[in-house]
Amino acid sequence: MNLAETISLILIIIGVLFNLFGAIGLVRLPDVYNRLQSATKCVTLGTCSILLSLLIRFGFIDIGVKALIAIPILFFASTVGAHALARGAYKNGIELGGKSVKDDYKEVES
C-alpha cells in the first residue's frame, strides 16, 4: 500500500464518519433548522472528503478530474439549498426548537 492509497483510505474513513454524524444529527436534533445544519455541514464535508480521496487515489485522470469538478459544485449547491429550505421553513411558520436561544430571521423578516 503506497502513500496515496493510505491518504485516500484515511479521507474515505473521515468522509464516512462525517456522513454518519450527519445522519445521526438528522435523527437526534430537535427542529428542522438544526437538522438542516447537521445535514448540510456534515454531509458536505463528508462527501467532499470522499471526492478528494478519489482525486488523490486516481490522480488527474477522468475520475479524479470529475471529483475535482464536483467538489465546488456540491459545496455551493448544498449550502444554497439549505439556506433556501431554512428560509422557506421560517416563512411558512415552522417554529424554532424550545432550546433555541436566538432568532436571526426575526430581525430580517420584520
PDB file of N, CA and C in Angstrom:
ATOM      1  N   MET A   1       0.858  -1.182   0.000  1.00  0.00           N
ATOM      2  CA  MET A   1       0.000   0.000   0.000  1.00  0.00           C
ATOM      3  C   MET A   1       0.899   1.238   0.000  1.00  0.00           C
ATOM      4  N   ASN A   2       0.746   2.085  -1.001  1.00  0.00           N
ATOM      5  CA  ASN A   2       1.591   3.272  -1.084  1.00  0.00           C
ATOM      6  C   ASN A   2       0.965   4.449  -0.342  1.00  0.00           C
ATOM      7  N   LEU A   3       1.658   5.578  -0.363  1.00  0.00           N
ATOM      8  CA  LEU A   3       1.223   6.749   0.401  1.00  0.00           C
ATOM      9  C   LEU A   3      -0.108   7.307  -0.100  1.00  0.00           C
ATOM     10  N   ALA A   4      -0.302   7.358  -1.410  1.00  0.00           N
ATOM     11  CA  ALA A   4      -1.553   7.878  -1.958  1.00  0.00           C
ATOM     12  C   ALA A   4      -2.742   7.026  -1.540  1.00  0.00           C
ATOM     13  N   GLU A   5      -2.575   5.714  -1.538  1.00  0.00           N
ATOM     14  CA  GLU A   5      -3.672   4.825  -1.111  1.00  0.00           C
ATOM     15  C   GLU A   5      -3.965   4.996   0.370  1.00  0.00           C
ATOM     16  N   THR A   6      -2.927   5.189   1.175  1.00  0.00           N
ATOM     17  CA  THR A   6      -3.121   5.364   2.619  1.00  0.00           C
ATOM     18  C   THR A   6      -3.863   6.669   2.908  1.00  0.00           C
ATOM     19  N   ILE A   7      -3.445   7.753   2.271  1.00  0.00           N
ATOM     20  CA  ILE A   7      -4.121   9.036   2.464  1.00  0.00           C
ATOM     21  C   ILE A   7      -5.557   8.960   1.960  1.00  0.00           C
ATOM     22  N   SER A   8      -5.750   8.300   0.837  1.00  0.00           N
ATOM     23  CA  SER A   8      -7.090   8.136   0.284  1.00  0.00           C
ATOM     24  C   SER A   8      -7.990   7.358   1.241  1.00  0.00           C
ATOM     25  N   LEU A   9      -7.468   6.289   1.819  1.00  0.00           N
ATOM     26  CA  LEU A   9      -8.247   5.492   2.775  1.00  0.00           C
ATOM     27  C   LEU A   9      -8.607   6.310   4.011  1.00  0.00           C
ATOM     28  N   ILE A  10      -7.672   7.110   4.503  1.00  0.00           N
ATOM     29  CA  ILE A  10      -7.946   7.952   5.668  1.00  0.00           C
ATOM     30  C   ILE A  10      -9.042   8.969   5.354  1.00  0.00           C
ATOM     31  N   LEU A  11      -8.967   9.584   4.170  1.00  0.00           N
ATOM     32  CA  LEU A  11     -10.000  10.549   3.775  1.00  0.00           C
ATOM     33  C   LEU A  11     -11.366   9.885   3.595  1.00  0.00           C
ATOM     34  N   ILE A  12     -11.385   8.667   3.086  1.00  0.00           N
ATOM     35  CA  ILE A  12     -12.666   7.949   2.955  1.00  0.00           C
ATOM     36  C   ILE A  12     -13.257   7.661   4.332  1.00  0.00           C
ATOM     37  N   ILE A  13     -12.427   7.242   5.271  1.00  0.00           N
ATOM     38  CA  ILE A  13     -12.912   6.967   6.632  1.00  0.00           C
ATOM     39  C   ILE A  13     -13.443   8.248   7.270  1.00  0.00           C
ATOM     40  N   ILE A  14     -12.720   9.352   7.110  1.00  0.00           N
ATOM     41  CA  ILE A  14     -13.183  10.634   7.642  1.00  0.00           C
ATOM     42  C   ILE A  14     -14.512  11.028   6.996  1.00  0.00           C
ATOM     43  N   GLY A  15     -14.622  10.845   5.685  1.00  0.00           N
ATOM     44  CA  GLY A  15     -15.852  11.175   4.982  1.00  0.00           C
ATOM     45  C   GLY A  15     -17.034  10.345   5.435  1.00  0.00           C
ATOM     46  N   VAL A  16     -16.807   9.062   5.619  1.00  0.00           N
ATOM     47  CA  VAL A  16     -17.889   8.185   6.086  1.00  0.00           C
ATOM     48  C   VAL A  16     -18.314   8.573   7.498  1.00  0.00           C
ATOM     49  N   LEU A  17     -17.352   8.930   8.354  1.00  0.00           N
ATOM     50  CA  LEU A  17     -17.705   9.350   9.713  1.00  0.00           C
ATOM     51  C   LEU A  17     -18.509  10.649   9.706  1.00  0.00           C
ATOM     52  N   PHE A  18     -18.094  11.614   8.878  1.00  0.00           N
ATOM     53  CA  PHE A  18     -18.880  12.847   8.772  1.00  0.00           C
ATOM     54  C   PHE A  18     -20.292  12.549   8.289  1.00  0.00           C
ATOM     55  N   ASN A  19     -20.435  11.702   7.300  1.00  0.00           N
ATOM     56  CA  ASN A  19     -21.770  11.345   6.808  1.00  0.00           C
ATOM     57  C   ASN A  19     -22.588  10.635   7.881  1.00  0.00           C
ATOM     58  N   LEU A  20     -21.942   9.782   8.657  1.00  0.00           N
ATOM     59  CA  LEU A  20     -22.629   9.095   9.755  1.00  0.00           C
ATOM     60  C   LEU A  20     -23.103  10.096  10.805  1.00  0.00           C
ATOM     61  N   PHE A  21     -22.231  11.038  11.176  1.00  0.00           N
ATOM     62  CA  PHE A  21     -22.623  12.045  12.168  1.00  0.00           C
ATOM     63  C   PHE A  21     -23.761  12.922  11.645  1.00  0.00           C
ATOM     64  N   GLY A  22     -23.746  13.228  10.359  1.00  0.00           N
ATOM     65  CA  GLY A  22     -24.846  13.987   9.767  1.00  0.00           C
ATOM     66  C   GLY A  22     -26.157  13.220   9.822  1.00  0.00           C
ATOM     67  N   ALA A  23     -26.100  11.916   9.563  1.00  0.00           N
ATOM     68  CA  ALA A  23     -27.309  11.089   9.629  1.00  0.00           C
ATOM     69  C   ALA A  23     -27.819  10.981  11.064  1.00  0.00           C
ATOM     70  N   ILE A  24     -26.908  10.859  12.015  1.00  0.00           N
ATOM     71  CA  ILE A  24     -27.317  10.821  13.425  1.00  0.00           C
ATOM     72  C   ILE A  24     -27.955  12.151  13.819  1.00  0.00           C
ATOM     73  N   GLY A  25     -27.384  13.257  13.325  1.00  0.00           N
ATOM     74  CA  GLY A  25     -27.943  14.577  13.610  1.00  0.00           C
ATOM     75  C   GLY A  25     -29.350  14.738  13.070  1.00  0.00           C
ATOM     76  N   LEU A  26     -29.621  14.140  11.908  1.00  0.00           N
ATOM     77  CA  LEU A  26     -30.977  14.216  11.357  1.00  0.00           C
ATOM     78  C   LEU A  26     -31.995  13.537  12.264  1.00  0.00           C
ATOM     79  N   VAL A  27     -31.568  12.512  12.948  1.00  0.00           N
ATOM     80  CA  VAL A  27     -32.484  11.773  13.821  1.00  0.00           C
ATOM     81  C   VAL A  27     -32.576  12.412  15.211  1.00  0.00           C
ATOM     82  N   ARG A  28     -31.450  12.898  15.723  1.00  0.00           N
ATOM     83  CA  ARG A  28     -31.387  13.317  17.115  1.00  0.00           C
ATOM     84  C   ARG A  28     -31.724  14.787  17.381  1.00  0.00           C
ATOM     85  N   LEU A  29     -31.510  15.653  16.423  1.00  0.00           N
ATOM     86  CA  LEU A  29     -31.687  17.078  16.699  1.00  0.00           C
ATOM     87  C   LEU A  29     -33.165  17.463  16.717  1.00  0.00           C
ATOM     88  N   PRO A  30     -33.523  18.530  17.475  1.00  0.00           N
ATOM     89  CA  PRO A  30     -34.934  18.774  17.791  1.00  0.00           C
ATOM     90  C   PRO A  30     -35.782  19.414  16.704  1.00  0.00           C
ATOM     91  N   ASP A  31     -35.222  20.316  15.892  1.00  0.00           N
ATOM     92  CA  ASP A  31     -36.084  21.010  14.942  1.00  0.00           C
ATOM     93  C   ASP A  31     -35.467  21.016  13.547  1.00  0.00           C
ATOM     94  N   VAL A  32     -36.238  21.530  12.597  1.00  0.00           N
ATOM     95  CA  VAL A  32     -35.851  21.483  11.195  1.00  0.00           C
ATOM     96  C   VAL A  32     -34.584  22.289  10.935  1.00  0.00           C
ATOM     97  N   TYR A  33     -34.375  23.363  11.645  1.00  0.00           N
ATOM     98  CA  TYR A  33     -33.219  24.223  11.414  1.00  0.00           C
ATOM     99  C   TYR A  33     -31.926  23.546  11.869  1.00  0.00           C
ATOM    100  N   ASN A  34     -31.959  22.918  13.022  1.00  0.00           N
ATOM    101  CA  ASN A  34     -30.784  22.175  13.491  1.00  0.00           C
ATOM    102  C   ASN A  34     -30.506  20.968  12.607  1.00  0.00           C
ATOM    103  N   ARG A  35     -31.551  20.322  12.155  1.00  0.00           N
ATOM    104  CA  ARG A  35     -31.370  19.169  11.268  1.00  0.00           C
ATOM    105  C   ARG A  35     -30.767  19.587   9.932  1.00  0.00           C
ATOM    106  N   LEU A  36     -31.208  20.709   9.399  1.00  0.00           N
ATOM    107  CA  LEU A  36     -30.630  21.223   8.156  1.00  0.00           C
ATOM    108  C   LEU A  36     -29.152  21.553   8.330  1.00  0.00           C
ATOM    109  N   GLN A  37     -28.816  22.146   9.459  1.00  0.00           N
ATOM    110  CA  GLN A  37     -27.421  22.484   9.727  1.00  0.00           C
ATOM    111  C   GLN A  37     -26.572  21.225   9.813  1.00  0.00           C
ATOM    112  N   SER A  38     -27.073  20.237  10.494  1.00  0.00           N
ATOM    113  CA  SER A  38     -26.344  18.975  10.623  1.00  0.00           C
ATOM    114  C   SER A  38     -26.165  18.301   9.269  1.00  0.00           C
ATOM    115  N   ALA A  39     -27.229  18.227   8.530  1.00  0.00           N
ATOM    116  CA  ALA A  39     -27.158  17.556   7.236  1.00  0.00           C
ATOM    117  C   ALA A  39     -26.243  18.306   6.278  1.00  0.00           C
ATOM    118  N   THR A  40     -26.356  19.615   6.246  1.00  0.00           N
ATOM    119  CA  THR A  40     -25.576  20.389   5.288  1.00  0.00           C
ATOM    120  C   THR A  40     -24.090  20.342   5.606  1.00  0.00           C
ATOM    121  N   LYS A  41     -23.717  20.665   6.824  1.00  0.00           N
ATOM    122  CA  LYS A  41     -22.298  20.735   7.148  1.00  0.00           C
ATOM    123  C   LYS A  41     -21.641  19.366   7.151  1.00  0.00           C
ATOM    124  N   CYS A  42     -22.238  18.414   7.832  1.00  0.00           N
ATOM    125  CA  CYS A  42     -21.602  17.105   7.948  1.00  0.00           C
ATOM    126  C   CYS A  42     -21.557  16.371   6.619  1.00  0.00           C
ATOM    127  N   VAL A  43     -22.647  16.332   5.933  1.00  0.00           N
ATOM    128  CA  VAL A  43     -22.693  15.578   4.688  1.00  0.00           C
ATOM    129  C   VAL A  43     -21.862  16.262   3.606  1.00  0.00           C
ATOM    130  N   THR A  44     -21.838  17.596   3.580  1.00  0.00           N
ATOM    131  CA  THR A  44     -20.995  18.288   2.609  1.00  0.00           C
ATOM    132  C   THR A  44     -19.526  17.997   2.868  1.00  0.00           C
ATOM    133  N   LEU A  45     -19.096  18.114   4.110  1.00  0.00           N
ATOM    134  CA  LEU A  45     -17.698  17.821   4.420  1.00  0.00           C
ATOM    135  C   LEU A  45     -17.365  16.358   4.184  1.00  0.00           C
ATOM    136  N   GLY A  46     -18.280  15.476   4.525  1.00  0.00           N
ATOM    137  CA  GLY A  46     -18.035  14.049   4.312  1.00  0.00           C
ATOM    138  C   GLY A  46     -17.929  13.686   2.850  1.00  0.00           C
ATOM    139  N   THR A  47     -18.835  14.177   2.052  1.00  0.00           N
ATOM    140  CA  THR A  47     -18.823  13.856   0.635  1.00  0.00           C
ATOM    141  C   THR A  47     -17.638  14.509  -0.074  1.00  0.00           C
ATOM    142  N   CYS A  48     -17.309  15.742   0.304  1.00  0.00           N
ATOM    143  CA  CYS A  48     -16.131  16.387  -0.285  1.00  0.00           C
ATOM    144  C   CYS A  48     -14.855  15.654   0.101  1.00  0.00           C
ATOM    145  N   SER A  49     -14.799  15.124   1.299  1.00  0.00           N
ATOM    146  CA  SER A  49     -13.638  14.335   1.716  1.00  0.00           C
ATOM    147  C   SER A  49     -13.508  13.061   0.889  1.00  0.00           C
ATOM    148  N   ILE A  50     -14.610  12.407   0.632  1.00  0.00           N
ATOM    149  CA  ILE A  50     -14.580  11.192  -0.190  1.00  0.00           C
ATOM    150  C   ILE A  50     -14.179  11.535  -1.630  1.00  0.00           C
ATOM    151  N   LEU A  51     -14.699  12.622  -2.163  1.00  0.00           N
ATOM    152  CA  LEU A  51     -14.319  13.033  -3.518  1.00  0.00           C
ATOM    153  C   LEU A  51     -12.846  13.421  -3.593  1.00  0.00           C
ATOM    154  N   LEU A  52     -12.332  14.070  -2.563  1.00  0.00           N
ATOM    155  CA  LEU A  52     -10.915  14.409  -2.520  1.00  0.00           C
ATOM    156  C   LEU A  52     -10.054  13.155  -2.470  1.00  0.00           C
ATOM    157  N   SER A  53     -10.536  12.148  -1.757  1.00  0.00           N
ATOM    158  CA  SER A  53      -9.791  10.885  -1.714  1.00  0.00           C
ATOM    159  C   SER A  53      -9.712  10.235  -3.094  1.00  0.00           C
ATOM    160  N   LEU A  54     -10.760  10.376  -3.890  1.00  0.00           N
ATOM    161  CA  LEU A  54     -10.722   9.860  -5.260  1.00  0.00           C
ATOM    162  C   LEU A  54      -9.679  10.584  -6.094  1.00  0.00           C
ATOM    163  N   LEU A  55      -9.591  11.896  -5.917  1.00  0.00           N
ATOM    164  CA  LEU A  55      -8.590  12.666  -6.645  1.00  0.00           C
ATOM    165  C   LEU A  55      -7.179  12.233  -6.257  1.00  0.00           C
ATOM    166  N   ILE A  56      -6.952  12.050  -4.963  1.00  0.00           N
ATOM    167  CA  ILE A  56      -5.621  11.628  -4.505  1.00  0.00           C
ATOM    168  C   ILE A  56      -5.303  10.219  -4.967  1.00  0.00           C
ATOM    169  N   ARG A  57      -6.270   9.339  -4.912  1.00  0.00           N
ATOM    170  CA  ARG A  57      -6.032   7.937  -5.264  1.00  0.00           C
ATOM    171  C   ARG A  57      -5.798   7.742  -6.755  1.00  0.00           C
ATOM    172  N   PHE A  58      -6.609   8.386  -7.597  1.00  0.00           N
ATOM    173  CA  PHE A  58      -6.537   8.143  -9.028  1.00  0.00           C
ATOM    174  C   PHE A  58      -5.793   9.231  -9.795  1.00  0.00           C
ATOM    175  N   GLY A  59      -5.527  10.371  -9.180  1.00  0.00           N
ATOM    176  CA  GLY A  59      -4.796  11.432  -9.849  1.00  0.00           C
ATOM    177  C   GLY A  59      -5.677  12.194 -10.825  1.00  0.00           C
ATOM    178  N   PHE A  60      -5.030  12.831 -11.783  1.00  0.00           N
ATOM    179  CA  PHE A  60      -5.750  13.688 -12.723  1.00  0.00           C
ATOM    180  C   PHE A  60      -6.168  12.955 -13.985  1.00  0.00           C
ATOM    181  N   ILE A  61      -6.693  11.748 -13.801  1.00  0.00           N
ATOM    182  CA  ILE A  61      -7.347  11.076 -14.924  1.00  0.00           C
ATOM    183  C   ILE A  61      -8.823  11.440 -14.855  1.00  0.00           C
ATOM    184  N   ASP A  62      -9.637  10.824 -15.683  1.00  0.00           N
ATOM    185  CA  ASP A  62     -11.043  11.255 -15.779  1.00  0.00           C
ATOM    186  C   ASP A  62     -11.790  11.230 -14.451  1.00  0.00           C
ATOM    187  N   ILE A  63     -11.609  10.196 -13.630  1.00  0.00           N
ATOM    188  CA  ILE A  63     -12.357  10.122 -12.368  1.00  0.00           C
ATOM    189  C   ILE A  63     -11.877  11.176 -11.376  1.00  0.00           C
ATOM    190  N   GLY A  64     -10.587  11.467 -11.354  1.00  0.00           N
ATOM    191  CA  GLY A  64     -10.064  12.489 -10.458  1.00  0.00           C
ATOM    192  C   GLY A  64     -10.508  13.879 -10.847  1.00  0.00           C
ATOM    193  N   VAL A  65     -10.532  14.150 -12.142  1.00  0.00           N
ATOM    194  CA  VAL A  65     -10.971  15.467 -12.615  1.00  0.00           C
ATOM    195  C   VAL A  65     -12.463  15.656 -12.348  1.00  0.00           C
ATOM    196  N   LYS A  66     -13.242  14.618 -12.536  1.00  0.00           N
ATOM    197  CA  LYS A  66     -14.683  14.714 -12.244  1.00  0.00           C
ATOM    198  C   LYS A  66     -14.916  14.973 -10.759  1.00  0.00           C
ATOM    199  N   ALA A  67     -14.140  14.317  -9.901  1.00  0.00           N
ATOM    200  CA  ALA A  67     -14.253  14.555  -8.461  1.00  0.00           C
ATOM    201  C   ALA A  67     -13.857  15.983  -8.119  1.00  0.00           C
ATOM    202  N   LEU A  68     -12.811  16.482  -8.768  1.00  0.00           N
ATOM    203  CA  LEU A  68     -12.362  17.847  -8.522  1.00  0.00           C
ATOM    204  C   LEU A  68     -13.413  18.862  -8.965  1.00  0.00           C
ATOM    205  N   ILE A  69     -14.101  18.602 -10.034  1.00  0.00           N
ATOM    206  CA  ILE A  69     -15.168  19.488 -10.505  1.00  0.00           C
ATOM    207  C   ILE A  69     -16.395  19.396  -9.595  1.00  0.00           C
ATOM    208  N   ALA A  70     -16.671  18.210  -9.084  1.00  0.00           N
ATOM    209  CA  ALA A  70     -17.868  18.008  -8.264  1.00  0.00           C
ATOM    210  C   ALA A  70     -17.758  18.648  -6.879  1.00  0.00           C
ATOM    211  N   ILE A  71     -16.543  18.808  -6.363  1.00  0.00           N
ATOM    212  CA  ILE A  71     -16.381  19.346  -5.009  1.00  0.00           C
ATOM    213  C   ILE A  71     -16.956  20.760  -4.877  1.00  0.00           C
ATOM    214  N   PRO A  72     -16.557  21.740  -5.699  1.00  0.00           N
ATOM    215  CA  PRO A  72     -17.159  23.076  -5.512  1.00  0.00           C
ATOM    216  C   PRO A  72     -18.645  23.125  -5.875  1.00  0.00           C
ATOM    217  N   ILE A  73     -19.053  22.321  -6.841  1.00  0.00           N
ATOM    218  CA  ILE A  73     -20.482  22.292  -7.188  1.00  0.00           C
ATOM    219  C   ILE A  73     -21.299  21.808  -6.002  1.00  0.00           C
ATOM    220  N   LEU A  74     -20.858  20.720  -5.378  1.00  0.00           N
ATOM    221  CA  LEU A  74     -21.547  20.179  -4.204  1.00  0.00           C
ATOM    222  C   LEU A  74     -21.524  21.170  -3.055  1.00  0.00           C
ATOM    223  N   PHE A  75     -20.379  21.788  -2.834  1.00  0.00           N
ATOM    224  CA  PHE A  75     -20.241  22.728  -1.726  1.00  0.00           C
ATOM    225  C   PHE A  75     -21.219  23.891  -1.853  1.00  0.00           C
ATOM    226  N   PHE A  76     -21.256  24.517  -3.015  1.00  0.00           N
ATOM    227  CA  PHE A  76     -22.130  25.677  -3.184  1.00  0.00           C
ATOM    228  C   PHE A  76     -23.597  25.279  -3.299  1.00  0.00           C
ATOM    229  N   ALA A  77     -23.894  24.202  -3.982  1.00  0.00           N
ATOM    230  CA  ALA A  77     -25.294  23.802  -4.157  1.00  0.00           C
ATOM    231  C   ALA A  77     -25.927  23.391  -2.829  1.00  0.00           C
ATOM    232  N   SER A  78     -25.188  22.681  -1.999  1.00  0.00           N
ATOM    233  CA  SER A  78     -25.781  22.232  -0.731  1.00  0.00           C
ATOM    234  C   SER A  78     -25.984  23.383   0.243  1.00  0.00           C
ATOM    235  N   THR A  79     -25.058  24.338   0.283  1.00  0.00           N
ATOM    236  CA  THR A  79     -25.240  25.457   1.203  1.00  0.00           C
ATOM    237  C   THR A  79     -26.365  26.385   0.747  1.00  0.00           C
ATOM    238  N   VAL A  80     -26.455  26.642  -0.551  1.00  0.00           N
ATOM    239  CA  VAL A  80     -27.543  27.482  -1.057  1.00  0.00           C
ATOM    240  C   VAL A  80     -28.888  26.775  -0.875  1.00  0.00           C
ATOM    241  N   GLY A  81     -28.919  25.483  -1.132  1.00  0.00           N
ATOM    242  CA  GLY A  81     -30.156  24.718  -0.954  1.00  0.00           C
ATOM    243  C   GLY A  81     -30.618  24.694   0.496  1.00  0.00           C
ATOM    244  N   ALA A  82     -29.685  24.519   1.419  1.00  0.00           N
ATOM    245  CA  ALA A  82     -30.051  24.503   2.836  1.00  0.00           C
ATOM    246  C   ALA A  82     -30.552  25.874   3.286  1.00  0.00           C
ATOM    247  N   HIS A  83     -29.926  26.926   2.789  1.00  0.00           N
ATOM    248  CA  HIS A  83     -30.388  28.272   3.137  1.00  0.00           C
ATOM    249  C   HIS A  83     -31.809  28.509   2.609  1.00  0.00           C
ATOM    250  N   ALA A  84     -32.064  28.080   1.394  1.00  0.00           N
ATOM    251  CA  ALA A  84     -33.401  28.252   0.820  1.00  0.00           C
ATOM    252  C   ALA A  84     -34.440  27.445   1.596  1.00  0.00           C
ATOM    253  N   LEU A  85     -34.097  26.237   1.988  1.00  0.00           N
ATOM    254  CA  LEU A  85     -35.026  25.424   2.781  1.00  0.00           C
ATOM    255  C   LEU A  85     -35.294  26.045   4.147  1.00  0.00           C
ATOM    256  N   ALA A  86     -34.242  26.542   4.795  1.00  0.00           N
ATOM    257  CA  ALA A  86     -34.417  27.160   6.109  1.00  0.00           C
ATOM    258  C   ALA A  86     -35.271  28.422   6.013  1.00  0.00           C
ATOM    259  N   ARG A  87     -35.016  29.224   5.008  1.00  0.00           N
ATOM    260  CA  ARG A  87     -35.808  30.451   4.848  1.00  0.00           C
ATOM    261  C   ARG A  87     -37.260  30.131   4.510  1.00  0.00           C
ATOM    262  N   GLY A  88     -37.473  29.133   3.656  1.00  0.00           N
ATOM    263  CA  GLY A  88     -38.831  28.726   3.332  1.00  0.00           C
ATOM    264  C   GLY A  88     -39.570  28.174   4.534  1.00  0.00           C
ATOM    265  N   ALA A  89     -38.869  27.400   5.357  1.00  0.00           N
ATOM    266  CA  ALA A  89     -39.494  26.875   6.570  1.00  0.00           C
ATOM    267  C   ALA A  89     -39.866  28.010   7.519  1.00  0.00           C
ATOM    268  N   TYR A  90     -38.987  29.001   7.633  1.00  0.00           N
ATOM    269  CA  TYR A  90     -39.277  30.127   8.519  1.00  0.00           C
ATOM    270  C   TYR A  90     -40.465  30.940   8.013  1.00  0.00           C
ATOM    271  N   LYS A  91     -40.501  31.188   6.715  1.00  0.00           N
ATOM    272  CA  LYS A  91     -41.605  31.970   6.146  1.00  0.00           C
ATOM    273  C   LYS A  91     -42.932  31.233   6.255  1.00  0.00           C
ATOM    274  N   ASN A  92     -42.896  29.902   6.302  1.00  0.00           N
ATOM    275  CA  ASN A  92     -44.126  29.125   6.437  1.00  0.00           C
ATOM    276  C   ASN A  92     -44.509  28.885   7.893  1.00  0.00           C
ATOM    277  N   GLY A  93     -43.794  29.500   8.816  1.00  0.00           N
ATOM    278  CA  GLY A  93     -44.196  29.471  10.219  1.00  0.00           C
ATOM    279  C   GLY A  93     -43.711  28.281  11.015  1.00  0.00           C
ATOM    280  N   ILE A  94     -42.711  27.561  10.537  1.00  0.00           N
ATOM    281  CA  ILE A  94     -42.154  26.455  11.324  1.00  0.00           C
ATOM    282  C   ILE A  94     -41.421  27.056  12.522  1.00  0.00           C
ATOM    283  N   GLU A  95     -41.800  26.661  13.714  1.00  0.00           N
ATOM    284  CA  GLU A  95     -41.243  27.226  14.941  1.00  0.00           C
ATOM    285  C   GLU A  95     -39.829  26.706  15.203  1.00  0.00           C
ATOM    286  N   LEU A  96     -39.047  27.537  15.897  1.00  0.00           N
ATOM    287  CA  LEU A  96     -37.740  27.102  16.377  1.00  0.00           C
ATOM    288  C   LEU A  96     -37.933  26.103  17.504  1.00  0.00           C
ATOM    289  N   GLY A  97     -36.904  25.315  17.765  1.00  0.00           N
ATOM    290  CA  GLY A  97     -36.967  24.371  18.881  1.00  0.00           C
ATOM    291  C   GLY A  97     -37.040  25.101  20.209  1.00  0.00           C
ATOM    292  N   GLY A  98     -37.491  24.420  21.221  1.00  0.00           N
ATOM    293  CA  GLY A  98     -37.674  25.035  22.533  1.00  0.00           C
ATOM    294  C   GLY A  98     -36.387  25.537  23.162  1.00  0.00           C
ATOM    295  N   LYS A  99     -35.266  24.916  22.845  1.00  0.00           N
ATOM    296  CA  LYS A  99     -33.991  25.314  23.442  1.00  0.00           C
ATOM    297  C   LYS A  99     -33.208  26.297  22.582  1.00  0.00           C
ATOM    298  N   SER A 100     -33.774  26.736  21.472  1.00  0.00           N
ATOM    299  CA  SER A 100     -33.094  27.715  20.629  1.00  0.00           C
ATOM    300  C   SER A 100     -33.057  29.053  21.354  1.00  0.00           C
ATOM    301  N   VAL A 101     -31.926  29.744  21.271  1.00  0.00           N
ATOM    302  CA  VAL A 101     -31.762  30.972  22.043  1.00  0.00           C
ATOM    303  C   VAL A 101     -31.786  32.235  21.184  1.00  0.00           C
ATOM    304  N   LYS A 102     -31.594  32.137  19.869  1.00  0.00           N
ATOM    305  CA  LYS A 102     -31.552  33.326  19.032  1.00  0.00           C
ATOM    306  C   LYS A 102     -32.279  33.079  17.726  1.00  0.00           C
ATOM    307  N   ASP A 103     -33.054  34.072  17.319  1.00  0.00           N
ATOM    308  CA  ASP A 103     -33.799  34.007  16.073  1.00  0.00           C
ATOM    309  C   ASP A 103     -33.275  35.110  15.149  1.00  0.00           C
ATOM    310  N   ASP A 104     -32.327  34.763  14.274  1.00  0.00           N
ATOM    311  CA  ASP A 104     -31.715  35.753  13.383  1.00  0.00           C
ATOM    312  C   ASP A 104     -32.672  36.237  12.309  1.00  0.00           C
ATOM    313  N   TYR A 105     -33.591  35.419  11.888  1.00  0.00           N
ATOM    314  CA  TYR A 105     -34.512  35.800  10.829  1.00  0.00           C
ATOM    315  C   TYR A 105     -35.582  36.786  11.305  1.00  0.00           C
ATOM    316  N   LYS A 106     -35.830  36.830  12.586  1.00  0.00           N
ATOM    317  CA  LYS A 106     -36.875  37.722  13.108  1.00  0.00           C
ATOM    318  C   LYS A 106     -36.578  39.173  12.741  1.00  0.00           C
ATOM    319  N   GLU A 107     -35.312  39.581  12.842  1.00  0.00           N
ATOM    320  CA  GLU A 107     -34.932  40.955  12.518  1.00  0.00           C
ATOM    321  C   GLU A 107     -35.012  41.206  11.016  1.00  0.00           C
ATOM    322  N   VAL A 108     -34.676  40.197  10.200  1.00  0.00           N
ATOM    323  CA  VAL A 108     -34.651  40.357   8.755  1.00  0.00           C
ATOM    324  C   VAL A 108     -36.060  40.377   8.176  1.00  0.00           C
ATOM    325  N   GLU A 109     -36.938  39.534   8.670  1.00  0.00           N
ATOM    326  CA  GLU A 109     -38.278  39.371   8.118  1.00  0.00           C
ATOM    327  C   GLU A 109     -39.273  40.432   8.597  1.00  0.00           C
ATOM    328  N   SER A 110     -38.964  41.162   9.651  1.00  0.00           N
ATOM    329  CA  SER A 110     -39.935  42.134  10.167  1.00  0.00           C
ATOM    330  C   SER A 110     -39.777  43.504   9.561  1.00  0.00           C
TER     331      SER A 110
END
